[in-house]
């Protein structure tokens, strides 16, 4: 079982970089899968008919993207990797617990340079910063799940500080361009709608003023009551007109404030600090 586990992990490590934390999880799943007893194939009632056995699913391995800088050959490897001095190290006839097997296999993979956490860290940060656009908080969280020491994480992020800043600026500029197009359309539509509303209200005011003049010239007994109603309607329409004009003047600022909020939320979701986001936004 140890030899199979080693061969399985060595094959995966030859296709892409894997850290010891990932290897531990992969080995746990591998051993759990292979330790589960499988049902025996029932014998055929006819002696001349034989059942064909399918190949084990563990023989196949996930394909990787050859164009990604994160997935590359870490070194030359033979098609069927084997343990060095397997008779003395792994594959002993004595029964071992899963934890012991995992510990021994990972130690051998490290010794054979299949696993190198420093090499993994360098490739991982390059991939996540340049291609995924992750920020330091998101990267730190993932590395902590793989049990990387906090000191190692801090040092790696500090070494890539310039790359992280450049990535953040690139993300904000791209999102800014997208939001400006969207907000430009919204501002234009909002202005057109408000202008039409202002025009209608202004026409209403003019009509009420004409009506007031007509009532003043009238000598009927009901003219006084009609005049009061007209003035009341005039005040109502004038107030509505003032509110609409104020809304029109603040429409652009309101949409721009929403656009700024969306810009900050987008960069924050990528794992960047608010302080760094605001610093770059102010420079726009």
C-alpha atoms as a PDB file:
ATOM      1  CA  UNK A   1       0.000   0.000   0.000  1.00  0.00           C
ATOM      2  CA  UNK A   2       2.844   2.402   0.803  1.00  0.00           C
ATOM      3  CA  UNK A   3       4.458   1.752  -2.555  1.00  0.00           C
ATOM      4  CA  UNK A   4       1.150   2.411  -4.336  1.00  0.00           C
ATOM      5  CA  UNK A   5       0.655   5.619  -2.365  1.00  0.00           C
ATOM      6  CA  UNK A   6       4.167   6.774  -3.214  1.00  0.00           C
ATOM      7  CA  UNK A   7       3.727   6.003  -6.922  1.00  0.00           C
ATOM      8  CA  UNK A   8       0.390   7.817  -6.974  1.00  0.00           C
ATOM      9  CA  UNK A   9       1.768  10.978  -5.344  1.00  0.00           C
ATOM     10  CA  UNK A  10       5.002  10.927  -7.367  1.00  0.00           C
ATOM     11  CA  UNK A  11       2.974  10.888 -10.572  1.00  0.00           C
ATOM     12  CA  UNK A  12       0.862  13.846  -9.439  1.00  0.00           C
ATOM     13  CA  UNK A  13       3.918  15.785  -8.272  1.00  0.00           C
ATOM     14  CA  UNK A  14       5.538  15.316 -11.678  1.00  0.00           C
ATOM     15  CA  UNK A  15       2.591  17.101 -13.281  1.00  0.00           C
ATOM     16  CA  UNK A  16       2.211  20.060 -10.933  1.00  0.00           C
ATOM     17  CA  UNK A  17       3.611  21.517  -7.756  1.00  0.00           C
ATOM     18  CA  UNK A  18       2.116  20.096  -4.562  1.00  0.00           C
ATOM     19  CA  UNK A  19       2.931  21.169  -1.021  1.00  0.00           C
ATOM     20  CA  UNK A  20       3.176  18.822   1.932  1.00  0.00           C
ATOM     21  CA  UNK A  21      -0.197  20.023   3.278  1.00  0.00           C
ATOM     22  CA  UNK A  22      -1.938  19.163   0.026  1.00  0.00           C
ATOM     23  CA  UNK A  23      -0.103  15.835  -0.161  1.00  0.00           C
ATOM     24  CA  UNK A  24      -1.352  14.914   3.302  1.00  0.00           C
ATOM     25  CA  UNK A  25      -4.990  15.483   2.297  1.00  0.00           C
ATOM     26  CA  UNK A  26      -4.524  13.604  -0.985  1.00  0.00           C
ATOM     27  CA  UNK A  27      -2.942  10.638   0.753  1.00  0.00           C
ATOM     28  CA  UNK A  28      -5.739  10.509   3.325  1.00  0.00           C
ATOM     29  CA  UNK A  29      -8.311  10.275   0.538  1.00  0.00           C
ATOM     30  CA  UNK A  30      -6.190   7.740  -1.377  1.00  0.00           C
ATOM     31  CA  UNK A  31      -5.753   5.441   1.621  1.00  0.00           C
ATOM     32  CA  UNK A  32      -9.396   5.766   2.628  1.00  0.00           C
ATOM     33  CA  UNK A  33     -10.484   4.799  -0.874  1.00  0.00           C
ATOM     34  CA  UNK A  34      -8.117   1.830  -1.136  1.00  0.00           C
ATOM     35  CA  UNK A  35      -8.793   0.578   2.371  1.00  0.00           C
ATOM     36  CA  UNK A  36     -12.526   0.207   1.601  1.00  0.00           C
ATOM     37  CA  UNK A  37     -13.276  -3.443   0.813  1.00  0.00           C
ATOM     38  CA  UNK A  38     -14.691  -3.969  -2.672  1.00  0.00           C
ATOM     39  CA  UNK A  39     -17.477  -6.385  -3.477  1.00  0.00           C
ATOM     40  CA  UNK A  40     -16.366  -9.586  -5.169  1.00  0.00           C
ATOM     41  CA  UNK A  41     -17.486 -10.219  -8.741  1.00  0.00           C
ATOM     42  CA  UNK A  42     -20.038 -13.031  -8.739  1.00  0.00           C
ATOM     43  CA  UNK A  43     -19.077 -16.179 -10.579  1.00  0.00           C
ATOM     44  CA  UNK A  44     -20.776 -16.839 -13.881  1.00  0.00           C
ATOM     45  CA  UNK A  45     -23.255 -19.722 -13.837  1.00  0.00           C
ATOM     46  CA  UNK A  46     -21.727 -20.989 -17.075  1.00  0.00           C
ATOM     47  CA  UNK A  47     -18.165 -22.283 -16.616  1.00  0.00           C
ATOM     48  CA  UNK A  48     -17.043 -21.099 -20.031  1.00  0.00           C
ATOM     49  CA  UNK A  49     -18.151 -17.454 -19.510  1.00  0.00           C
ATOM     50  CA  UNK A  50     -15.589 -15.287 -17.663  1.00  0.00           C
ATOM     51  CA  UNK A  51     -16.232 -11.852 -16.228  1.00  0.00           C
ATOM     52  CA  UNK A  52     -13.834  -9.083 -17.381  1.00  0.00           C
ATOM     53  CA  UNK A  53     -12.371  -6.907 -14.664  1.00  0.00           C
ATOM     54  CA  UNK A  54     -12.290  -3.126 -15.167  1.00  0.00           C
ATOM     55  CA  UNK A  55      -9.159  -1.159 -14.488  1.00  0.00           C
ATOM     56  CA  UNK A  56      -8.968   0.512 -11.096  1.00  0.00           C
ATOM     57  CA  UNK A  57      -9.977   4.196 -11.128  1.00  0.00           C
ATOM     58  CA  UNK A  58      -6.817   5.118  -9.243  1.00  0.00           C
ATOM     59  CA  UNK A  59      -4.791   4.284 -12.340  1.00  0.00           C
ATOM     60  CA  UNK A  60      -6.007   7.453 -14.015  1.00  0.00           C
ATOM     61  CA  UNK A  61      -4.813  10.897 -12.939  1.00  0.00           C
ATOM     62  CA  UNK A  62      -6.312  14.338 -13.465  1.00  0.00           C
ATOM     63  CA  UNK A  63      -5.081  16.192 -16.498  1.00  0.00           C
ATOM     64  CA  UNK A  64      -3.329  19.509 -16.055  1.00  0.00           C
ATOM     65  CA  UNK A  65      -3.030  22.651 -18.102  1.00  0.00           C
ATOM     66  CA  UNK A  66       0.363  22.752 -19.732  1.00  0.00           C
ATOM     67  CA  UNK A  67       0.088  26.500 -20.396  1.00  0.00           C
ATOM     68  CA  UNK A  68      -0.209  27.433 -16.728  1.00  0.00           C
ATOM     69  CA  UNK A  69       3.054  28.418 -14.991  1.00  0.00           C
ATOM     70  CA  UNK A  70       1.837  26.624 -11.904  1.00  0.00           C
ATOM     71  CA  UNK A  71       1.637  23.232 -13.638  1.00  0.00           C
ATOM     72  CA  UNK A  72       5.038  22.266 -14.951  1.00  0.00           C
ATOM     73  CA  UNK A  73       7.531  19.395 -14.697  1.00  0.00           C
ATOM     74  CA  UNK A  74       9.500  19.888 -11.548  1.00  0.00           C
ATOM     75  CA  UNK A  75      12.149  17.429 -12.707  1.00  0.00           C
ATOM     76  CA  UNK A  76      12.522  14.384 -14.926  1.00  0.00           C
ATOM     77  CA  UNK A  77      10.618  11.341 -13.770  1.00  0.00           C
ATOM     78  CA  UNK A  78      10.324   7.812 -15.056  1.00  0.00           C
ATOM     79  CA  UNK A  79       6.881   6.583 -16.094  1.00  0.00           C
ATOM     80  CA  UNK A  80       6.622   4.162 -13.166  1.00  0.00           C
ATOM     81  CA  UNK A  81       8.219   5.854 -10.104  1.00  0.00           C
ATOM     82  CA  UNK A  82       9.441   3.575  -7.364  1.00  0.00           C
ATOM     83  CA  UNK A  83      10.806   4.060  -3.874  1.00  0.00           C
ATOM     84  CA  UNK A  84      14.519   4.208  -3.279  1.00  0.00           C
ATOM     85  CA  UNK A  85      15.616   1.304  -1.066  1.00  0.00           C
ATOM     86  CA  UNK A  86      11.988   0.239  -0.766  1.00  0.00           C
ATOM     87  CA  UNK A  87      12.990  -2.971   0.962  1.00  0.00           C
ATOM     88  CA  UNK A  88      14.525  -0.898   3.754  1.00  0.00           C
ATOM     89  CA  UNK A  89      12.097   2.060   3.890  1.00  0.00           C
ATOM     90  CA  UNK A  90       8.549   1.721   2.595  1.00  0.00           C
ATOM     91  CA  UNK A  91       6.576  -1.355   1.733  1.00  0.00           C
ATOM     92  CA  UNK A  92       7.544  -3.372   4.809  1.00  0.00           C
ATOM     93  CA  UNK A  93       5.343  -6.323   5.591  1.00  0.00           C
ATOM     94  CA  UNK A  94       4.578  -4.934   9.054  1.00  0.00           C
ATOM     95  CA  UNK A  95       1.186  -3.270   9.448  1.00  0.00           C
ATOM     96  CA  UNK A  96       1.315   0.522   9.715  1.00  0.00           C
ATOM     97  CA  UNK A  97      -1.360   3.022  10.621  1.00  0.00           C
ATOM     98  CA  UNK A  98      -2.541   5.502   7.985  1.00  0.00           C
ATOM     99  CA  UNK A  99      -0.818   8.375   9.816  1.00  0.00           C
ATOM    100  CA  UNK A 100       2.485   6.498   9.758  1.00  0.00           C
ATOM    101  CA  UNK A 101       2.141   5.656   6.075  1.00  0.00           C
ATOM    102  CA  UNK A 102       1.356   9.295   5.213  1.00  0.00           C
ATOM    103  CA  UNK A 103       4.295  10.542   7.256  1.00  0.00           C
ATOM    104  CA  UNK A 104       6.720   8.081   5.657  1.00  0.00           C
ATOM    105  CA  UNK A 105       5.497   8.662   2.098  1.00  0.00           C
ATOM    106  CA  UNK A 106       5.693  12.464   2.426  1.00  0.00           C
ATOM    107  CA  UNK A 107       9.193  12.200   3.933  1.00  0.00           C
ATOM    108  CA  UNK A 108      10.305  10.063   0.974  1.00  0.00           C
ATOM    109  CA  UNK A 109       8.708  12.450  -1.547  1.00  0.00           C
ATOM    110  CA  UNK A 110      10.561  15.362   0.059  1.00  0.00           C
ATOM    111  CA  UNK A 111      13.806  13.414   0.035  1.00  0.00           C
ATOM    112  CA  UNK A 112      13.343  12.648  -3.680  1.00  0.00           C
ATOM    113  CA  UNK A 113      12.575  16.336  -4.428  1.00  0.00           C
ATOM    114  CA  UNK A 114       9.050  15.588  -5.572  1.00  0.00           C
ATOM    115  CA  UNK A 115       7.785  17.919  -2.829  1.00  0.00           C
ATOM    116  CA  UNK A 116       9.492  21.196  -1.965  1.00  0.00           C
ATOM    117  CA  UNK A 117       7.361  23.696  -0.018  1.00  0.00           C
ATOM    118  CA  UNK A 118       9.615  26.629  -0.894  1.00  0.00           C
ATOM    119  CA  UNK A 119       9.423  25.829  -4.587  1.00  0.00           C
ATOM    120  CA  UNK A 120       5.660  25.327  -4.272  1.00  0.00           C
ATOM    121  CA  UNK A 121       5.240  28.670  -2.481  1.00  0.00           C
ATOM    122  CA  UNK A 122       7.079  30.561  -5.212  1.00  0.00           C
ATOM    123  CA  UNK A 123       5.012  28.982  -8.009  1.00  0.00           C
ATOM    124  CA  UNK A 124       1.747  29.303  -6.072  1.00  0.00           C
ATOM    125  CA  UNK A 125       2.149  33.030  -5.388  1.00  0.00           C
ATOM    126  CA  UNK A 126       3.110  33.709  -8.996  1.00  0.00           C
ATOM    127  CA  UNK A 127       0.004  31.902 -10.226  1.00  0.00           C
ATOM    128  CA  UNK A 128      -2.442  33.502  -7.787  1.00  0.00           C
ATOM    129  CA  UNK A 129      -1.071  37.053  -8.112  1.00  0.00           C
ATOM    130  CA  UNK A 130      -0.573  37.228 -11.883  1.00  0.00           C
ATOM    131  CA  UNK A 131      -3.382  35.014 -13.143  1.00  0.00           C
ATOM    132  CA  UNK A 132      -6.060  34.694 -10.430  1.00  0.00           C
ATOM    133  CA  UNK A 133      -5.689  38.260  -9.116  1.00  0.00           C
ATOM    134  CA  UNK A 134      -5.739  37.197  -5.472  1.00  0.00           C
ATOM    135  CA  UNK A 135      -4.840  39.607  -2.717  1.00  0.00           C
ATOM    136  CA  UNK A 136      -2.638  38.915   0.340  1.00  0.00           C
ATOM    137  CA  UNK A 137      -5.554  38.087   2.659  1.00  0.00           C
ATOM    138  CA  UNK A 138      -6.976  35.422   0.371  1.00  0.00           C
ATOM    139  CA  UNK A 139      -3.550  33.893  -0.262  1.00  0.00           C
ATOM    140  CA  UNK A 140      -2.738  33.911   3.453  1.00  0.00           C
ATOM    141  CA  UNK A 141      -6.004  32.156   4.327  1.00  0.00           C
ATOM    142  CA  UNK A 142      -5.368  29.347   1.838  1.00  0.00           C
ATOM    143  CA  UNK A 143      -1.771  28.814   2.958  1.00  0.00           C
ATOM    144  CA  UNK A 144      -2.880  28.676   6.587  1.00  0.00           C
ATOM    145  CA  UNK A 145      -5.268  25.855   5.684  1.00  0.00           C
ATOM    146  CA  UNK A 146      -2.248  23.935   4.350  1.00  0.00           C
ATOM    147  CA  UNK A 147      -0.433  24.503   7.681  1.00  0.00           C
ATOM    148  CA  UNK A 148       2.266  26.835   6.387  1.00  0.00           C
ATOM    149  CA  UNK A 149       3.988  28.679   9.267  1.00  0.00           C
ATOM    150  CA  UNK A 150       2.780  32.273   9.661  1.00  0.00           C
ATOM    151  CA  UNK A 151       6.349  33.551   9.511  1.00  0.00           C
ATOM    152  CA  UNK A 152       6.870  31.823   6.144  1.00  0.00           C
ATOM    153  CA  UNK A 153       3.615  33.289   4.791  1.00  0.00           C
ATOM    154  CA  UNK A 154       4.499  36.826   5.920  1.00  0.00           C
ATOM    155  CA  UNK A 155       7.941  36.583   4.373  1.00  0.00           C
ATOM    156  CA  UNK A 156       6.570  35.305   1.040  1.00  0.00           C
ATOM    157  CA  UNK A 157       3.962  38.086   0.872  1.00  0.00           C
ATOM    158  CA  UNK A 158       6.568  40.726   1.735  1.00  0.00           C
ATOM    159  CA  UNK A 159       8.798  39.488  -1.080  1.00  0.00           C
ATOM    160  CA  UNK A 160       5.877  39.860  -3.515  1.00  0.00           C
ATOM    161  CA  UNK A 161       4.643  43.237  -2.260  1.00  0.00           C
ATOM    162  CA  UNK A 162       5.373  45.075  -5.535  1.00  0.00           C
ATOM    163  CA  UNK A 163       3.664  42.377  -7.585  1.00  0.00           C
ATOM    164  CA  UNK A 164       0.611  42.541  -5.291  1.00  0.00           C
ATOM    165  CA  UNK A 165       0.370  46.345  -5.628  1.00  0.00           C
ATOM    166  CA  UNK A 166       0.673  46.122  -9.415  1.00  0.00           C
ATOM    167  CA  UNK A 167      -2.013  43.432  -9.485  1.00  0.00           C
ATOM    168  CA  UNK A 168      -4.363  45.542  -7.334  1.00  0.00           C
ATOM    169  CA  UNK A 169      -3.917  48.588  -9.582  1.00  0.00           C
ATOM    170  CA  UNK A 170      -4.588  46.468 -12.659  1.00  0.00           C
ATOM    171  CA  UNK A 171      -7.761  45.009 -11.113  1.00  0.00           C
ATOM    172  CA  UNK A 172      -9.067  48.429 -10.052  1.00  0.00           C
ATOM    173  CA  UNK A 173      -8.339  50.041 -13.423  1.00  0.00           C
ATOM    174  CA  UNK A 174     -10.124  47.255 -15.282  1.00  0.00           C
ATOM    175  CA  UNK A 175     -13.158  47.407 -12.971  1.00  0.00           C
ATOM    176  CA  UNK A 176     -13.142  51.227 -13.094  1.00  0.00           C
ATOM    177  CA  UNK A 177     -13.341  51.185 -16.890  1.00  0.00           C
ATOM    178  CA  UNK A 178     -16.249  48.725 -16.764  1.00  0.00           C
ATOM    179  CA  UNK A 179     -18.146  50.699 -14.110  1.00  0.00           C
ATOM    180  CA  UNK A 180     -17.595  54.021 -15.902  1.00  0.00           C
ATOM    181  CA  UNK A 181     -19.295  52.652 -18.996  1.00  0.00           C
ATOM    182  CA  UNK A 182     -22.199  51.362 -16.926  1.00  0.00           C
ATOM    183  CA  UNK A 183     -22.507  54.531 -14.817  1.00  0.00           C
ATOM    184  CA  UNK A 184     -22.251  56.736 -17.928  1.00  0.00           C
ATOM    185  CA  UNK A 185     -25.285  55.008 -19.398  1.00  0.00           C
ATOM    186  CA  UNK A 186     -27.139  55.259 -16.068  1.00  0.00           C
ATOM    187  CA  UNK A 187     -26.346  58.982 -15.674  1.00  0.00           C
ATOM    188  CA  UNK A 188     -27.516  59.698 -19.223  1.00  0.00           C
ATOM    189  CA  UNK A 189     -30.779  57.804 -18.748  1.00  0.00           C
ATOM    190  CA  UNK A 190     -31.358  59.437 -15.340  1.00  0.00           C
ATOM    191  CA  UNK A 191     -30.799  62.927 -16.722  1.00  0.00           C
ATOM    192  CA  UNK A 192     -33.156  62.379 -19.637  1.00  0.00           C
ATOM    193  CA  UNK A 193     -35.890  61.117 -17.319  1.00  0.00           C
ATOM    194  CA  UNK A 194     -35.481  64.014 -14.881  1.00  0.00           C
ATOM    195  CA  UNK A 195     -35.344  66.618 -17.652  1.00  0.00           C
ATOM    196  CA  UNK A 196     -38.662  65.358 -19.002  1.00  0.00           C
ATOM    197  CA  UNK A 197     -40.137  65.475 -15.509  1.00  0.00           C
ATOM    198  CA  UNK A 198     -38.895  69.039 -14.929  1.00  0.00           C
ATOM    199  CA  UNK A 199     -40.324  70.138 -18.265  1.00  0.00           C
ATOM    200  CA  UNK A 200     -43.762  68.688 -17.463  1.00  0.00           C
ATOM    201  CA  UNK A 201     -43.817  70.294 -14.015  1.00  0.00           C
ATOM    202  CA  UNK A 202     -42.772  73.653 -15.421  1.00  0.00           C
ATOM    203  CA  UNK A 203     -45.602  73.473 -17.947  1.00  0.00           C
ATOM    204  CA  UNK A 204     -47.984  72.709 -15.084  1.00  0.00           C
ATOM    205  CA  UNK A 205     -46.763  75.775 -13.190  1.00  0.00           C
ATOM    206  CA  UNK A 206     -47.291  77.965 -16.254  1.00  0.00           C
ATOM    207  CA  UNK A 207     -50.802  76.629 -16.783  1.00  0.00           C
ATOM    208  CA  UNK A 208     -51.734  77.211 -13.121  1.00  0.00           C
ATOM    209  CA  UNK A 209     -50.423  80.783 -13.305  1.00  0.00           C
ATOM    210  CA  UNK A 210     -52.597  81.398 -16.370  1.00  0.00           C
ATOM    211  CA  UNK A 211     -55.563  79.932 -14.540  1.00  0.00           C
ATOM    212  CA  UNK A 212     -54.899  82.229 -11.566  1.00  0.00           C
ATOM    213  CA  UNK A 213     -54.896  85.276 -13.849  1.00  0.00           C
ATOM    214  CA  UNK A 214     -58.190  84.194 -15.378  1.00  0.00           C
ATOM    215  CA  UNK A 215     -59.760  83.702 -11.941  1.00  0.00           C
ATOM    216  CA  UNK A 216     -58.592  87.168 -10.832  1.00  0.00           C
ATOM    217  CA  UNK A 217     -60.308  88.739 -13.829  1.00  0.00           C
ATOM    218  CA  UNK A 218     -63.515  86.868 -13.118  1.00  0.00           C
ATOM    219  CA  UNK A 219     -66.259  88.605 -11.081  1.00  0.00           C
ATOM    220  CA  UNK A 220     -68.118  85.452 -10.054  1.00  0.00           C
ATOM    221  CA  UNK A 221     -68.795  84.674  -6.371  1.00  0.00           C
ATOM    222  CA  UNK A 222     -66.916  81.362  -6.568  1.00  0.00           C
ATOM    223  CA  UNK A 223     -63.753  82.995  -7.928  1.00  0.00           C
ATOM    224  CA  UNK A 224     -62.232  83.492  -4.471  1.00  0.00           C
ATOM    225  CA  UNK A 225     -62.537  79.782  -3.586  1.00  0.00           C
ATOM    226  CA  UNK A 226     -61.183  78.757  -6.993  1.00  0.00           C
ATOM    227  CA  UNK A 227     -58.250  81.124  -6.516  1.00  0.00           C
ATOM    228  CA  UNK A 228     -57.335  79.532  -3.180  1.00  0.00           C
ATOM    229  CA  UNK A 229     -57.394  76.056  -4.725  1.00  0.00           C
ATOM    230  CA  UNK A 230     -55.255  77.246  -7.629  1.00  0.00           C
ATOM    231  CA  UNK A 231     -52.624  78.765  -5.291  1.00  0.00           C
ATOM    232  CA  UNK A 232     -52.569  75.552  -3.248  1.00  0.00           C
ATOM    233  CA  UNK A 233     -51.984  73.457  -6.375  1.00  0.00           C
ATOM    234  CA  UNK A 234     -49.313  75.907  -7.537  1.00  0.00           C
ATOM    235  CA  UNK A 235     -47.369  75.544  -4.277  1.00  0.00           C
ATOM    236  CA  UNK A 236     -47.582  71.736  -4.506  1.00  0.00           C
ATOM    237  CA  UNK A 237     -46.272  71.656  -8.074  1.00  0.00           C
ATOM    238  CA  UNK A 238     -43.515  74.183  -7.328  1.00  0.00           C
ATOM    239  CA  UNK A 239     -42.266  72.077  -4.393  1.00  0.00           C
ATOM    240  CA  UNK A 240     -42.239  68.972  -6.582  1.00  0.00           C
ATOM    241  CA  UNK A 241     -40.354  70.912  -9.235  1.00  0.00           C
ATOM    242  CA  UNK A 242     -37.704  72.004  -6.715  1.00  0.00           C
ATOM    243  CA  UNK A 243     -37.221  68.422  -5.493  1.00  0.00           C
ATOM    244  CA  UNK A 244     -36.849  67.163  -9.056  1.00  0.00           C
ATOM    245  CA  UNK A 245     -34.275  69.845  -9.911  1.00  0.00           C
ATOM    246  CA  UNK A 246     -32.306  68.971  -6.767  1.00  0.00           C
ATOM    247  CA  UNK A 247     -32.447  65.266  -7.676  1.00  0.00           C
ATOM    248  CA  UNK A 248     -31.224  66.138 -11.166  1.00  0.00           C
ATOM    249  CA  UNK A 249     -28.231  68.078  -9.840  1.00  0.00           C
ATOM    250  CA  UNK A 250     -27.244  65.201  -7.502  1.00  0.00           C
ATOM    251  CA  UNK A 251     -27.944  62.317  -9.890  1.00  0.00           C
ATOM    252  CA  UNK A 252     -24.352  62.105 -11.132  1.00  0.00           C
ATOM    253  CA  UNK A 253     -22.861  62.261  -7.623  1.00  0.00           C
ATOM    254  CA  UNK A 254     -25.239  59.553  -6.387  1.00  0.00           C
ATOM    255  CA  UNK A 255     -24.346  57.182  -9.220  1.00  0.00           C
ATOM    256  CA  UNK A 256     -20.620  57.884  -8.803  1.00  0.00           C
ATOM    257  CA  UNK A 257     -20.859  57.101  -5.070  1.00  0.00           C
ATOM    258  CA  UNK A 258     -22.455  53.734  -5.896  1.00  0.00           C
ATOM    259  CA  UNK A 259     -19.753  53.115  -8.485  1.00  0.00           C
ATOM    260  CA  UNK A 260     -17.022  53.791  -5.897  1.00  0.00           C
ATOM    261  CA  UNK A 261     -18.672  51.369  -3.437  1.00  0.00           C
ATOM    262  CA  UNK A 262     -18.783  48.647  -6.088  1.00  0.00           C
ATOM    263  CA  UNK A 263     -15.125  49.259  -6.930  1.00  0.00           C
ATOM    264  CA  UNK A 264     -14.072  48.833  -3.290  1.00  0.00           C
ATOM    265  CA  UNK A 265     -16.265  45.738  -2.819  1.00  0.00           C
ATOM    266  CA  UNK A 266     -14.762  44.081  -5.915  1.00  0.00           C
ATOM    267  CA  UNK A 267     -11.156  44.557  -4.751  1.00  0.00           C
ATOM    268  CA  UNK A 268     -12.009  43.542  -1.179  1.00  0.00           C
ATOM    269  CA  UNK A 269     -13.531  40.267  -2.397  1.00  0.00           C
ATOM    270  CA  UNK A 270     -10.181  39.484  -4.041  1.00  0.00           C
ATOM    271  CA  UNK A 271      -8.452  39.676  -0.647  1.00  0.00           C
ATOM    272  CA  UNK A 272      -6.872  43.147  -0.725  1.00  0.00           C
ATOM    273  CA  UNK A 273      -6.722  45.500   2.268  1.00  0.00           C
ATOM    274  CA  UNK A 274      -9.092  48.487   2.302  1.00  0.00           C
ATOM    275  CA  UNK A 275      -6.236  50.896   3.030  1.00  0.00           C
ATOM    276  CA  UNK A 276      -4.368  49.872  -0.128  1.00  0.00           C
ATOM    277  CA  UNK A 277      -7.562  49.989  -2.222  1.00  0.00           C
ATOM    278  CA  UNK A 278      -8.427  53.533  -1.115  1.00  0.00           C
ATOM    279  CA  UNK A 279      -4.844  54.681  -1.701  1.00  0.00           C
ATOM    280  CA  UNK A 280      -5.014  53.652  -5.356  1.00  0.00           C
ATOM    281  CA  UNK A 281      -8.571  54.955  -5.885  1.00  0.00           C
ATOM    282  CA  UNK A 282      -7.497  58.419  -4.679  1.00  0.00           C
ATOM    283  CA  UNK A 283      -4.787  58.458  -7.347  1.00  0.00           C
ATOM    284  CA  UNK A 284      -7.331  57.984 -10.162  1.00  0.00           C
END
